[in-house]
Every structure is written in structure tokens, then in C-alpha cells.
Amino acid sequence: MNIFKIIFLASVISFSSLSFSAGENKIYSSSFLQGSVKAFYINFTIRVKDTDNGPGGQELYGKIEIKEINGQEVNLQVWRRTTSNPTGSTLNLKVEPSHPFMTSDSRDSYITLSGEIWDNDLAGQQDDRLCNLKEDVRLYQSQVGERIRNVFEKGLGHCDYLEITKFELAK
């Protein structure tokens, strides 16, 4: 009797993961059956403008999350600094997580980001919010090396661009 249960469950799983298009006479299967869950390394750099009017750059803090990968909500924090632990003086915020991210493979994989970046000013001066990241902007694997400017919310304007430096399958 166990063999019949196994065959029944296997056929239910198989057929529930397949869909048939009568107009095209094709059968499509889900990525689960295709085994297309992959690990990606994703790195990017955010270029900020120098609002301190001095040499060296900005002392950055804030938080950045990957909200979505290929349509899957993930909410993964990839960078965080506090006011008491900002970056050294820089105009290039490099986000380079050491671990890969798991997701389904796609022809042109993408992520969406959220977060905010601040400049830590000297004692007695108010810190500057440099930019907020738009949550609905898709950053595609095919955009590696491009300077992407529409990823920041309008109004603040102190972040110049985001450049994806790495978006590749883990080996």
C-alpha cells in the first residue's frame, strides 16, 4: 500500500507543478522541478556628493536592505553603520556582503533595495540625510557596470549614483 501512496503523491506534485498551454501545445514546469534555485554574489557601490565642503569626503552611516530578489521578498540587511561607528571619510560607499544570496534563477535576475544614508557631522552640527533608496526600482544583473541614478528618492539629491559591481552566480 505504501508504494501506491508514493506514486500518488509523486504524480500530484508533478502535475501541480506543470501547466499546459493549449494554444501553443507546450507544457511549462515550475522552477522547483527545473532545480533552478541559484546562489548569487551581489555587490554595489553608492557614490555620494561631498556636502561637507572639505577634503576627504563624508563619514557615512545608515542602513541598506535588499527587499526583493527576483520577485521574492527577502528583507536582507546588507549594510549598517551607526552614528557612533560611521565609515571613514569617503565618497564611495562599497556594499560587499561576504555571503551569497539564494533565489530562483531568471533570464535577467534583479534586486530591489531600501534604506537611507546619512553623513555624520562634527559635534554641534546637525547630521545630513544624504539619500533614501527607492524600494520599487529594480536593479538588474544586466546593469553591472552602469551608473544608475533613478534609484534615489527625489528631494535630497546628495547621492550621485549606484553602480552594481558584481551580480554573478556563486561557483
N, C-alpha and C. Protein backbone atom coordinates (compact mmCIF):
# COMPACT_ATOMS: atom_id res chain seq x y z
N MET A 1 0.82 -1.19 0.00
CA MET A 1 0.00 0.00 0.00
C MET A 1 0.87 1.26 0.00
N ASN A 2 2.02 1.22 0.62
CA ASN A 2 2.90 2.39 0.66
C ASN A 2 3.36 2.81 -0.73
N ILE A 3 3.60 1.85 -1.60
CA ILE A 3 4.05 2.17 -2.96
C ILE A 3 3.00 2.97 -3.71
N PHE A 4 1.72 2.67 -3.48
CA PHE A 4 0.64 3.42 -4.14
C PHE A 4 0.56 4.85 -3.62
N LYS A 5 0.79 5.04 -2.32
CA LYS A 5 0.80 6.39 -1.76
C LYS A 5 1.95 7.21 -2.34
N ILE A 6 3.09 6.58 -2.47
CA ILE A 6 4.25 7.29 -3.01
C ILE A 6 4.01 7.68 -4.46
N ILE A 7 3.48 6.75 -5.26
CA ILE A 7 3.19 7.04 -6.67
C ILE A 7 2.14 8.14 -6.78
N PHE A 8 1.11 8.08 -5.94
CA PHE A 8 0.06 9.09 -5.96
C PHE A 8 0.63 10.47 -5.61
N LEU A 9 1.41 10.55 -4.53
CA LEU A 9 1.98 11.84 -4.13
C LEU A 9 2.94 12.37 -5.19
N ALA A 10 3.73 11.51 -5.77
CA ALA A 10 4.67 11.95 -6.81
C ALA A 10 3.93 12.51 -8.01
N SER A 11 2.85 11.86 -8.41
CA SER A 11 2.10 12.35 -9.57
C SER A 11 1.36 13.65 -9.25
N VAL A 12 0.85 13.80 -8.02
CA VAL A 12 0.19 15.05 -7.63
C VAL A 12 1.19 16.19 -7.66
N ILE A 13 2.37 15.97 -7.10
CA ILE A 13 3.40 17.01 -7.09
C ILE A 13 3.82 17.35 -8.51
N SER A 14 4.03 16.34 -9.32
CA SER A 14 4.47 16.57 -10.71
C SER A 14 3.44 17.37 -11.49
N PHE A 15 2.18 16.96 -11.42
CA PHE A 15 1.16 17.63 -12.21
C PHE A 15 0.79 19.00 -11.65
N SER A 16 0.95 19.21 -10.34
CA SER A 16 0.64 20.52 -9.79
C SER A 16 1.72 21.53 -10.17
N SER A 17 2.90 21.05 -10.54
CA SER A 17 3.99 21.94 -10.92
C SER A 17 4.07 22.13 -12.43
N LEU A 18 3.16 21.54 -13.18
CA LEU A 18 3.15 21.68 -14.63
C LEU A 18 1.91 22.45 -15.05
N SER A 19 2.04 23.20 -16.11
CA SER A 19 0.87 23.85 -16.69
C SER A 19 0.91 23.64 -18.19
N PHE A 20 -0.25 23.54 -18.80
CA PHE A 20 -0.36 23.25 -20.23
C PHE A 20 -0.96 24.44 -20.94
N SER A 21 -0.35 24.83 -22.02
CA SER A 21 -0.88 25.91 -22.84
C SER A 21 -1.45 25.30 -24.11
N ALA A 22 -2.78 25.23 -24.19
CA ALA A 22 -3.44 24.58 -25.33
C ALA A 22 -3.16 25.33 -26.62
N GLY A 23 -3.09 26.65 -26.55
CA GLY A 23 -2.86 27.43 -27.76
C GLY A 23 -1.49 27.19 -28.37
N GLU A 24 -0.50 26.87 -27.53
CA GLU A 24 0.86 26.68 -28.01
C GLU A 24 1.27 25.21 -28.03
N ASN A 25 0.43 24.33 -27.49
CA ASN A 25 0.77 22.92 -27.36
C ASN A 25 2.12 22.72 -26.67
N LYS A 26 2.31 23.44 -25.55
CA LYS A 26 3.54 23.33 -24.77
C LYS A 26 3.20 23.07 -23.32
N ILE A 27 4.09 22.39 -22.63
CA ILE A 27 3.95 22.16 -21.20
C ILE A 27 5.06 22.94 -20.51
N TYR A 28 4.68 23.75 -19.52
CA TYR A 28 5.64 24.53 -18.76
C TYR A 28 5.76 23.94 -17.37
N SER A 29 6.96 23.98 -16.80
CA SER A 29 7.14 23.48 -15.44
C SER A 29 7.66 24.60 -14.56
N SER A 30 7.44 24.44 -13.26
CA SER A 30 7.89 25.45 -12.31
C SER A 30 9.40 25.36 -12.14
N SER A 31 10.00 26.41 -11.58
CA SER A 31 11.44 26.40 -11.35
C SER A 31 11.81 25.37 -10.29
N PHE A 32 10.84 24.99 -9.45
CA PHE A 32 11.12 23.97 -8.44
C PHE A 32 11.53 22.66 -9.11
N LEU A 33 10.77 22.23 -10.13
CA LEU A 33 11.10 20.99 -10.83
C LEU A 33 12.35 21.14 -11.68
N GLN A 34 12.60 22.31 -12.18
CA GLN A 34 13.78 22.51 -13.01
C GLN A 34 15.05 22.58 -12.16
N GLY A 35 14.90 22.74 -10.86
CA GLY A 35 16.07 22.82 -9.98
C GLY A 35 16.86 24.08 -10.21
N SER A 36 16.20 25.20 -10.45
CA SER A 36 16.90 26.42 -10.82
C SER A 36 17.05 27.39 -9.67
N VAL A 37 17.17 26.91 -8.45
CA VAL A 37 17.48 27.79 -7.33
C VAL A 37 18.99 27.96 -7.32
N LYS A 38 19.44 29.21 -7.36
CA LYS A 38 20.86 29.52 -7.50
C LYS A 38 21.31 30.45 -6.39
N ALA A 39 22.61 30.50 -6.18
CA ALA A 39 23.22 31.42 -5.23
C ALA A 39 23.93 32.52 -6.02
N PHE A 40 23.68 33.77 -5.65
CA PHE A 40 24.29 34.91 -6.33
C PHE A 40 25.12 35.72 -5.34
N TYR A 41 26.26 36.22 -5.81
CA TYR A 41 27.01 37.25 -5.10
C TYR A 41 26.59 38.59 -5.70
N ILE A 42 26.23 39.54 -4.83
CA ILE A 42 25.77 40.84 -5.29
C ILE A 42 26.53 41.92 -4.52
N ASN A 43 27.28 42.76 -5.23
CA ASN A 43 28.00 43.89 -4.65
C ASN A 43 27.62 45.15 -5.41
N PHE A 44 27.66 46.28 -4.71
CA PHE A 44 27.40 47.56 -5.38
C PHE A 44 28.08 48.69 -4.63
N THR A 45 28.26 49.80 -5.33
CA THR A 45 28.87 51.00 -4.77
C THR A 45 27.89 52.15 -4.95
N ILE A 46 27.75 52.96 -3.90
CA ILE A 46 26.94 54.18 -3.98
C ILE A 46 27.88 55.37 -3.87
N ARG A 47 27.84 56.22 -4.86
CA ARG A 47 28.66 57.43 -4.88
C ARG A 47 27.85 58.57 -4.28
N VAL A 48 28.41 59.20 -3.22
CA VAL A 48 27.74 60.33 -2.58
C VAL A 48 28.47 61.62 -2.94
N LYS A 49 27.75 62.72 -2.85
CA LYS A 49 28.34 64.03 -3.12
C LYS A 49 28.94 64.58 -1.83
N ASP A 50 29.97 65.40 -1.96
CA ASP A 50 30.64 65.97 -0.80
C ASP A 50 29.88 67.21 -0.35
N THR A 51 29.10 67.08 0.72
CA THR A 51 28.35 68.22 1.26
C THR A 51 29.08 68.90 2.40
N ASP A 52 30.24 68.35 2.80
CA ASP A 52 30.99 68.93 3.91
C ASP A 52 31.90 70.07 3.48
N ASN A 53 32.09 70.24 2.17
CA ASN A 53 32.95 71.30 1.63
C ASN A 53 34.36 71.25 2.19
N GLY A 54 34.83 70.06 2.44
CA GLY A 54 36.18 69.90 2.93
C GLY A 54 36.85 68.73 2.24
N PRO A 55 38.11 68.51 2.53
CA PRO A 55 38.82 67.40 1.87
C PRO A 55 38.39 66.04 2.44
N GLY A 56 38.43 65.04 1.61
CA GLY A 56 38.28 63.68 2.10
C GLY A 56 36.94 63.01 1.91
N GLY A 57 35.85 63.70 2.02
CA GLY A 57 34.56 63.06 1.82
C GLY A 57 33.65 63.10 3.02
N GLN A 58 32.82 62.07 3.15
CA GLN A 58 31.77 62.01 4.16
C GLN A 58 32.03 60.84 5.12
N GLU A 59 31.53 60.96 6.32
CA GLU A 59 31.54 59.87 7.29
C GLU A 59 30.13 59.30 7.29
N LEU A 60 29.94 58.15 6.66
CA LEU A 60 28.61 57.63 6.35
C LEU A 60 28.10 56.65 7.40
N TYR A 61 26.79 56.72 7.64
CA TYR A 61 26.11 55.72 8.45
C TYR A 61 24.69 55.57 7.93
N GLY A 62 24.02 54.53 8.38
CA GLY A 62 22.66 54.26 7.94
C GLY A 62 22.44 52.77 7.80
N LYS A 63 21.48 52.42 6.93
CA LYS A 63 21.12 51.02 6.76
C LYS A 63 20.65 50.80 5.33
N ILE A 64 21.06 49.66 4.73
CA ILE A 64 20.60 49.28 3.39
C ILE A 64 20.17 47.82 3.44
N GLU A 65 19.00 47.54 2.86
CA GLU A 65 18.47 46.17 2.79
C GLU A 65 18.16 45.81 1.34
N ILE A 66 18.35 44.54 1.01
CA ILE A 66 17.79 44.01 -0.22
C ILE A 66 16.37 43.61 0.13
N LYS A 67 15.39 44.27 -0.48
CA LYS A 67 13.98 43.99 -0.18
C LYS A 67 13.47 42.78 -0.94
N GLU A 68 13.90 42.64 -2.19
CA GLU A 68 13.33 41.62 -3.07
C GLU A 68 14.42 41.11 -4.02
N ILE A 69 14.40 39.80 -4.27
CA ILE A 69 15.26 39.20 -5.29
C ILE A 69 14.36 38.38 -6.22
N ASN A 70 14.34 38.75 -7.49
CA ASN A 70 13.54 38.04 -8.50
C ASN A 70 12.10 37.80 -8.05
N GLY A 71 11.49 38.81 -7.46
CA GLY A 71 10.09 38.71 -7.06
C GLY A 71 9.85 38.10 -5.70
N GLN A 72 10.90 37.62 -5.03
CA GLN A 72 10.75 37.04 -3.70
C GLN A 72 11.14 38.08 -2.66
N GLU A 73 10.24 38.34 -1.70
CA GLU A 73 10.55 39.28 -0.63
C GLU A 73 11.54 38.63 0.32
N VAL A 74 12.68 39.30 0.57
CA VAL A 74 13.72 38.71 1.40
C VAL A 74 14.11 39.57 2.60
N ASN A 75 14.08 40.89 2.48
CA ASN A 75 14.42 41.82 3.57
C ASN A 75 15.75 41.46 4.25
N LEU A 76 16.82 41.45 3.48
CA LEU A 76 18.15 41.11 3.98
C LEU A 76 18.98 42.37 4.19
N GLN A 77 19.43 42.58 5.41
CA GLN A 77 20.27 43.74 5.69
C GLN A 77 21.67 43.45 5.14
N VAL A 78 22.16 44.33 4.27
CA VAL A 78 23.47 44.12 3.65
C VAL A 78 24.50 45.15 4.08
N TRP A 79 24.06 46.24 4.70
CA TRP A 79 24.99 47.25 5.21
C TRP A 79 24.32 48.00 6.34
N ARG A 80 25.10 48.24 7.40
CA ARG A 80 24.58 49.02 8.53
C ARG A 80 25.75 49.62 9.29
N ARG A 81 25.65 50.89 9.56
CA ARG A 81 26.59 51.61 10.41
C ARG A 81 25.77 52.53 11.30
N THR A 82 26.26 52.77 12.51
CA THR A 82 25.56 53.65 13.45
C THR A 82 26.28 55.00 13.51
N THR A 83 25.65 55.96 14.18
CA THR A 83 26.27 57.29 14.32
C THR A 83 27.58 57.19 15.09
N SER A 84 27.68 56.23 15.99
CA SER A 84 28.91 56.08 16.76
C SER A 84 29.97 55.25 16.03
N ASN A 85 29.61 54.68 14.88
CA ASN A 85 30.55 53.86 14.11
C ASN A 85 30.37 54.11 12.61
N PRO A 86 30.57 55.37 12.16
CA PRO A 86 30.41 55.62 10.72
C PRO A 86 31.62 55.11 9.94
N THR A 87 31.51 55.16 8.62
CA THR A 87 32.66 54.80 7.79
C THR A 87 33.75 55.84 7.97
N GLY A 88 34.92 55.55 7.49
CA GLY A 88 35.94 56.57 7.40
C GLY A 88 35.52 57.57 6.33
N SER A 89 36.26 58.63 6.19
CA SER A 89 35.93 59.67 5.24
C SER A 89 35.99 59.13 3.81
N THR A 90 34.85 59.14 3.11
CA THR A 90 34.77 58.56 1.76
C THR A 90 33.63 59.18 0.96
N LEU A 91 33.73 59.06 -0.34
CA LEU A 91 32.62 59.43 -1.22
C LEU A 91 32.04 58.20 -1.91
N ASN A 92 32.65 57.03 -1.70
CA ASN A 92 32.20 55.78 -2.31
C ASN A 92 31.84 54.77 -1.22
N LEU A 93 30.57 54.52 -1.07
CA LEU A 93 30.09 53.53 -0.11
C LEU A 93 30.06 52.18 -0.82
N LYS A 94 30.96 51.28 -0.43
CA LYS A 94 31.04 49.95 -1.05
C LYS A 94 30.27 48.96 -0.19
N VAL A 95 29.29 48.30 -0.79
CA VAL A 95 28.50 47.28 -0.12
C VAL A 95 28.89 45.95 -0.75
N GLU A 96 29.60 45.12 0.02
CA GLU A 96 30.15 43.86 -0.49
C GLU A 96 29.90 42.74 0.52
N PRO A 97 28.68 42.23 0.60
CA PRO A 97 28.40 41.13 1.52
C PRO A 97 29.29 39.92 1.21
N SER A 98 29.73 39.22 2.24
CA SER A 98 30.65 38.09 2.05
C SER A 98 29.93 36.79 1.72
N HIS A 99 28.62 36.78 1.83
CA HIS A 99 27.87 35.55 1.58
C HIS A 99 26.96 35.71 0.36
N PRO A 100 26.69 34.61 -0.34
CA PRO A 100 25.78 34.69 -1.49
C PRO A 100 24.32 34.70 -1.05
N PHE A 101 23.44 35.10 -1.96
CA PHE A 101 22.01 35.14 -1.72
C PHE A 101 21.34 34.08 -2.59
N MET A 102 20.45 33.29 -1.99
CA MET A 102 19.76 32.21 -2.71
C MET A 102 18.46 32.74 -3.31
N THR A 103 18.23 32.40 -4.57
CA THR A 103 16.99 32.78 -5.24
C THR A 103 16.80 31.91 -6.47
N SER A 104 15.62 32.02 -7.05
CA SER A 104 15.38 31.30 -8.30
C SER A 104 16.13 32.01 -9.42
N ASP A 105 16.60 31.22 -10.36
CA ASP A 105 17.32 31.78 -11.50
C ASP A 105 16.34 32.45 -12.45
N SER A 106 16.80 33.43 -13.15
CA SER A 106 15.97 34.17 -14.09
C SER A 106 16.84 34.59 -15.27
N ARG A 107 16.21 34.89 -16.39
CA ARG A 107 16.99 35.37 -17.54
C ARG A 107 17.76 36.63 -17.20
N ASP A 108 17.12 37.53 -16.49
CA ASP A 108 17.77 38.77 -16.07
C ASP A 108 17.38 39.00 -14.61
N SER A 109 18.14 38.41 -13.71
CA SER A 109 17.84 38.50 -12.28
C SER A 109 17.90 39.95 -11.82
N TYR A 110 17.13 40.26 -10.76
CA TYR A 110 17.10 41.62 -10.25
C TYR A 110 16.93 41.63 -8.74
N ILE A 111 17.26 42.78 -8.15
CA ILE A 111 17.03 43.05 -6.73
C ILE A 111 16.34 44.40 -6.62
N THR A 112 15.69 44.63 -5.48
CA THR A 112 15.25 45.97 -5.11
C THR A 112 15.86 46.27 -3.75
N LEU A 113 16.12 47.54 -3.49
CA LEU A 113 16.77 47.96 -2.25
C LEU A 113 15.89 48.92 -1.47
N SER A 114 16.18 49.05 -0.19
CA SER A 114 15.59 50.12 0.62
C SER A 114 16.66 50.56 1.60
N GLY A 115 16.49 51.75 2.14
CA GLY A 115 17.43 52.22 3.14
C GLY A 115 17.66 53.71 3.05
N GLU A 116 18.56 54.16 3.92
CA GLU A 116 18.91 55.57 3.97
C GLU A 116 20.38 55.71 4.34
N ILE A 117 20.98 56.78 3.84
CA ILE A 117 22.40 57.05 4.09
C ILE A 117 22.51 58.45 4.68
N TRP A 118 23.27 58.54 5.75
CA TRP A 118 23.47 59.80 6.46
C TRP A 118 24.96 60.15 6.50
N ASP A 119 25.25 61.44 6.69
CA ASP A 119 26.61 61.92 6.91
C ASP A 119 26.73 62.34 8.37
N ASN A 120 27.70 61.77 9.06
CA ASN A 120 27.94 62.09 10.46
C ASN A 120 28.81 63.35 10.52
N ASP A 121 28.24 64.45 11.01
CA ASP A 121 28.97 65.71 11.08
C ASP A 121 29.60 65.89 12.45
N LEU A 122 30.49 66.87 12.55
CA LEU A 122 31.19 67.14 13.80
C LEU A 122 30.21 67.52 14.90
N ALA A 123 30.68 67.37 16.13
CA ALA A 123 29.84 67.69 17.29
C ALA A 123 29.31 69.12 17.18
N GLY A 124 28.05 69.29 17.50
CA GLY A 124 27.43 70.60 17.45
C GLY A 124 26.76 70.91 16.12
N GLN A 125 27.03 70.12 15.11
CA GLN A 125 26.39 70.32 13.81
C GLN A 125 25.39 69.20 13.57
N GLN A 126 24.33 69.53 12.86
CA GLN A 126 23.30 68.54 12.57
C GLN A 126 23.77 67.60 11.45
N ASP A 127 23.53 66.29 11.64
CA ASP A 127 23.87 65.31 10.61
C ASP A 127 23.00 65.53 9.38
N ASP A 128 23.55 65.20 8.21
CA ASP A 128 22.85 65.38 6.94
C ASP A 128 22.32 64.04 6.44
N ARG A 129 21.02 64.00 6.10
CA ARG A 129 20.50 62.82 5.41
C ARG A 129 20.87 63.02 3.94
N LEU A 130 21.69 62.11 3.42
CA LEU A 130 22.16 62.26 2.05
C LEU A 130 21.16 61.72 1.04
N CYS A 131 20.57 60.55 1.33
CA CYS A 131 19.61 60.00 0.37
C CYS A 131 18.82 58.84 0.98
N ASN A 132 17.67 58.60 0.37
CA ASN A 132 16.85 57.42 0.63
C ASN A 132 16.80 56.61 -0.65
N LEU A 133 16.82 55.30 -0.53
CA LEU A 133 16.71 54.43 -1.70
C LEU A 133 15.25 54.14 -2.00
N LYS A 134 14.87 54.20 -3.27
CA LYS A 134 13.51 53.86 -3.69
C LYS A 134 13.34 52.35 -3.63
N GLU A 135 12.26 51.89 -3.02
CA GLU A 135 12.04 50.46 -2.85
C GLU A 135 11.54 49.76 -4.10
N ASP A 136 11.00 50.50 -5.06
CA ASP A 136 10.38 49.85 -6.21
C ASP A 136 11.25 49.84 -7.47
N VAL A 137 12.49 50.29 -7.38
CA VAL A 137 13.37 50.31 -8.55
C VAL A 137 14.11 48.97 -8.64
N ARG A 138 13.93 48.30 -9.77
CA ARG A 138 14.60 47.02 -9.99
C ARG A 138 16.00 47.26 -10.55
N LEU A 139 16.97 46.61 -9.92
CA LEU A 139 18.36 46.68 -10.36
C LEU A 139 18.71 45.32 -10.95
N TYR A 140 18.94 45.28 -12.27
CA TYR A 140 19.08 44.03 -12.99
C TYR A 140 20.54 43.59 -13.11
N GLN A 141 20.71 42.28 -13.21
CA GLN A 141 22.02 41.68 -13.41
C GLN A 141 22.69 42.25 -14.67
N SER A 142 21.91 42.55 -15.67
CA SER A 142 22.46 43.08 -16.93
C SER A 142 22.98 44.52 -16.78
N GLN A 143 22.74 45.16 -15.63
CA GLN A 143 23.18 46.54 -15.41
C GLN A 143 24.53 46.63 -14.71
N VAL A 144 25.23 45.52 -14.56
CA VAL A 144 26.55 45.54 -13.92
C VAL A 144 27.44 46.53 -14.67
N GLY A 145 28.09 47.42 -13.92
CA GLY A 145 28.99 48.40 -14.51
C GLY A 145 28.33 49.71 -14.91
N GLU A 146 27.01 49.78 -14.92
CA GLU A 146 26.30 51.01 -15.28
C GLU A 146 26.13 51.90 -14.05
N ARG A 147 26.11 53.20 -14.27
CA ARG A 147 25.80 54.16 -13.21
C ARG A 147 24.30 54.41 -13.23
N ILE A 148 23.63 53.98 -12.18
CA ILE A 148 22.16 54.04 -12.11
C ILE A 148 21.78 55.19 -11.19
N ARG A 149 21.03 56.15 -11.70
CA ARG A 149 20.71 57.35 -10.93
C ARG A 149 19.27 57.41 -10.44
N ASN A 150 18.37 56.62 -11.01
CA ASN A 150 16.95 56.72 -10.62
C ASN A 150 16.61 55.90 -9.38
N VAL A 151 17.60 55.41 -8.67
CA VAL A 151 17.36 54.56 -7.51
C VAL A 151 17.15 55.37 -6.22
N PHE A 152 17.38 56.68 -6.27
CA PHE A 152 17.25 57.52 -5.08
C PHE A 152 15.97 58.34 -5.13
N GLU A 153 15.34 58.54 -3.95
CA GLU A 153 14.15 59.37 -3.87
C GLU A 153 14.52 60.82 -4.17
N LYS A 154 13.60 61.51 -4.79
CA LYS A 154 13.83 62.92 -5.14
C LYS A 154 13.77 63.77 -3.87
N GLY A 155 14.42 64.92 -3.91
CA GLY A 155 14.32 65.85 -2.81
C GLY A 155 15.63 66.08 -2.09
N LEU A 156 16.38 65.02 -1.80
CA LEU A 156 17.63 65.19 -1.06
C LEU A 156 18.80 65.43 -2.02
N GLY A 157 18.97 64.57 -2.99
CA GLY A 157 19.92 64.79 -4.06
C GLY A 157 21.40 64.75 -3.71
N HIS A 158 21.76 64.15 -2.59
CA HIS A 158 23.17 64.12 -2.20
C HIS A 158 23.86 62.80 -2.54
N CYS A 159 23.13 61.88 -3.16
CA CYS A 159 23.75 60.65 -3.67
C CYS A 159 23.74 60.76 -5.18
N ASP A 160 24.88 60.50 -5.78
CA ASP A 160 25.04 60.71 -7.22
C ASP A 160 24.56 59.53 -8.04
N TYR A 161 25.04 58.33 -7.74
CA TYR A 161 24.64 57.14 -8.49
C TYR A 161 24.93 55.87 -7.70
N LEU A 162 24.34 54.78 -8.16
CA LEU A 162 24.62 53.44 -7.65
C LEU A 162 25.18 52.65 -8.82
N GLU A 163 26.24 51.90 -8.57
CA GLU A 163 26.83 51.04 -9.60
C GLU A 163 26.91 49.62 -9.07
N ILE A 164 26.26 48.69 -9.78
CA ILE A 164 26.37 47.27 -9.41
C ILE A 164 27.74 46.81 -9.89
N THR A 165 28.57 46.35 -8.97
CA THR A 165 29.93 45.93 -9.33
C THR A 165 30.04 44.42 -9.50
N LYS A 166 29.09 43.69 -8.91
CA LYS A 166 29.11 42.23 -9.03
C LYS A 166 27.69 41.70 -8.87
N PHE A 167 27.26 40.85 -9.78
CA PHE A 167 25.96 40.19 -9.71
C PHE A 167 26.12 38.90 -10.50
N GLU A 168 26.67 37.90 -9.83
CA GLU A 168 27.03 36.68 -10.55
C GLU A 168 26.72 35.44 -9.73
N LEU A 169 26.60 34.33 -10.43
CA LEU A 169 26.35 33.04 -9.78
C LEU A 169 27.55 32.64 -8.94
N ALA A 170 27.27 32.10 -7.76
CA ALA A 170 28.33 31.55 -6.92
C ALA A 170 28.84 30.27 -7.56
N LYS A 171 30.12 30.05 -7.46
CA LYS A 171 30.71 28.84 -8.06
C LYS A 171 30.95 27.78 -7.02
